[in-house]
C-alpha atoms as a PDB file:
ATOM      1  CA  MET A   1      -3.627  12.262 -14.734  1.00  0.00           C
ATOM      2  CA  LYS A   2      -7.332  12.275 -13.941  1.00  0.00           C
ATOM      3  CA  ILE A   3      -9.012  14.637 -11.490  1.00  0.00           C
ATOM      4  CA  ALA A   4     -10.014  11.671  -9.310  1.00  0.00           C
ATOM      5  CA  GLN A   5      -6.336  10.746  -8.938  1.00  0.00           C
ATOM      6  CA  LEU A   6      -5.460  14.284  -7.889  1.00  0.00           C
ATOM      7  CA  LEU A   7      -8.260  14.378  -5.335  1.00  0.00           C
ATOM      8  CA  SER A   8      -7.447  10.938  -3.896  1.00  0.00           C
ATOM      9  CA  GLY A   9      -4.474  12.338  -1.981  1.00  0.00           C
ATOM     10  CA  TYR A  10      -2.029   9.645  -3.091  1.00  0.00           C
ATOM     11  CA  PRO A  11       1.286  11.317  -3.954  1.00  0.00           C
ATOM     12  CA  ILE A  12       2.122   8.644  -6.576  1.00  0.00           C
ATOM     13  CA  HIS A  13       0.204   6.739  -9.220  1.00  0.00           C
ATOM     14  CA  LEU A  14      -1.546   3.641  -7.868  1.00  0.00           C
ATOM     15  CA  SER A  15      -3.455   0.991  -9.760  1.00  0.00           C
ATOM     16  CA  ASN A  16      -6.984   0.125  -8.708  1.00  0.00           C
ATOM     17  CA  GLN A  17      -5.688  -3.134  -7.184  1.00  0.00           C
ATOM     18  CA  GLU A  18      -3.060  -1.278  -5.151  1.00  0.00           C
ATOM     19  CA  ARG A  19      -5.583   1.279  -3.909  1.00  0.00           C
ATOM     20  CA  LYS A  20      -7.999  -1.520  -2.938  1.00  0.00           C
ATOM     21  CA  PHE A  21      -5.169  -3.331  -1.077  1.00  0.00           C
ATOM     22  CA  ILE A  22      -4.324  -0.164   0.897  1.00  0.00           C
ATOM     23  CA  ASP A  23      -7.975   0.454   1.759  1.00  0.00           C
ATOM     24  CA  GLN A  24      -8.552  -3.150   2.890  1.00  0.00           C
ATOM     25  CA  HIS A  25      -5.480  -3.628   5.090  1.00  0.00           C
ATOM     26  CA  ARG A  26      -4.394  -2.056   8.340  1.00  0.00           C
ATOM     27  CA  ASP A  27      -1.146  -0.272   9.170  1.00  0.00           C
ATOM     28  CA  LYS A  28       0.674  -3.560   9.865  1.00  0.00           C
ATOM     29  CA  ILE A  29       0.222  -6.680   7.747  1.00  0.00           C
ATOM     30  CA  ARG A  30       1.666 -10.135   8.360  1.00  0.00           C
ATOM     31  CA  LEU A  31       3.252 -11.375   5.130  1.00  0.00           C
ATOM     32  CA  THR A  32       2.306 -14.973   5.909  1.00  0.00           C
ATOM     33  CA  GLY A  33      -1.384 -14.042   5.778  1.00  0.00           C
ATOM     34  CA  LEU A  34      -1.275 -12.752   2.185  1.00  0.00           C
ATOM     35  CA  SER A  35      -2.238 -14.691  -0.923  1.00  0.00           C
ATOM     36  CA  GLU A  36       0.152 -14.932  -3.873  1.00  0.00           C
ATOM     37  CA  GLN A  37      -1.660 -12.079  -5.684  1.00  0.00           C
ATOM     38  CA  GLU A  38      -1.640  -9.888  -2.553  1.00  0.00           C
ATOM     39  CA  THR A  39       2.072 -10.589  -2.063  1.00  0.00           C
ATOM     40  CA  TRP A  40       2.764  -9.349  -5.591  1.00  0.00           C
ATOM     41  CA  ILE A  41       0.736  -6.190  -4.967  1.00  0.00           C
ATOM     42  CA  ALA A  42       2.496  -5.660  -1.616  1.00  0.00           C
ATOM     43  CA  GLN A  43       5.905  -5.930  -3.317  1.00  0.00           C
ATOM     44  CA  ASN A  44       4.898  -3.186  -5.743  1.00  0.00           C
ATOM     45  CA  LEU A  45       3.713  -0.981  -2.879  1.00  0.00           C
ATOM     46  CA  VAL A  46       7.038  -1.490  -1.067  1.00  0.00           C
ATOM     47  CA  ARG A  47       8.866  -0.389  -4.231  1.00  0.00           C
ATOM     48  CA  LYS A  48       6.660   2.711  -4.404  1.00  0.00           C
ATOM     49  CA  GLY A  49       7.327   3.562  -0.743  1.00  0.00           C
ATOM     50  CA  ILE A  50       3.770   3.078   0.525  1.00  0.00           C
ATOM     51  CA  TYR A  51       4.830   0.192   2.777  1.00  0.00           C
ATOM     52  CA  SER A  52       8.148  -0.856   4.281  1.00  0.00           C
ATOM     53  CA  ILE A  53       9.250  -4.288   5.455  1.00  0.00           C
ATOM     54  CA  SER A  54      10.018  -4.762   9.135  1.00  0.00           C
ATOM     55  CA  LYS A  55      13.486  -5.816  10.286  1.00  0.00           C
ATOM     56  CA  ASP A  56      12.281  -9.381  10.895  1.00  0.00           C
ATOM     57  CA  ASN A  57      11.009  -9.587   7.268  1.00  0.00           C
ATOM     58  CA  LYS A  58       7.596 -10.814   8.430  1.00  0.00           C
ATOM     59  CA  THR A  59       5.500  -7.644   8.560  1.00  0.00           C
ATOM     60  CA  LEU A  60       4.612  -4.786   6.224  1.00  0.00           C
ATOM     61  CA  ILE A  61       4.316  -1.363   7.842  1.00  0.00           C
ATOM     62  CA  LYS A  62       2.308   1.400   6.160  1.00  0.00           C
ATOM     63  CA  GLN A  63       4.381   4.534   5.466  1.00  0.00           C
ATOM     64  CA  LEU A  64       1.626   6.637   3.894  1.00  0.00           C
ATOM     65  CA  ASP A  65       0.483   9.553   6.055  1.00  0.00           C
ATOM     66  CA  GLU A  66      -3.266   9.168   6.544  1.00  0.00           C
ATOM     67  CA  SER A  67      -3.733  12.921   6.921  1.00  0.00           C
ATOM     68  CA  LYS A  68      -2.791  13.358   3.248  1.00  0.00           C
ATOM     69  CA  ARG A  69      -5.561  11.039   2.092  1.00  0.00           C
ATOM     70  CA  SER A  70      -9.081  12.186   1.428  1.00  0.00           C
END
């Protein structure tokens, strides 16, 4: 693990694409507004626990505590 990863505040390993996705999107994301590539990235972030899917299966909700990020 690199020092930059430790200082980033993310509790799990994230790829550059995943980190960019998190930085670019808000706390709630409509799944219909995502491209195919973004949908794939979002699925990985759901598996890692960064986002969860709403009960209506149409929205991603950020689970990451912003106070832990630098």
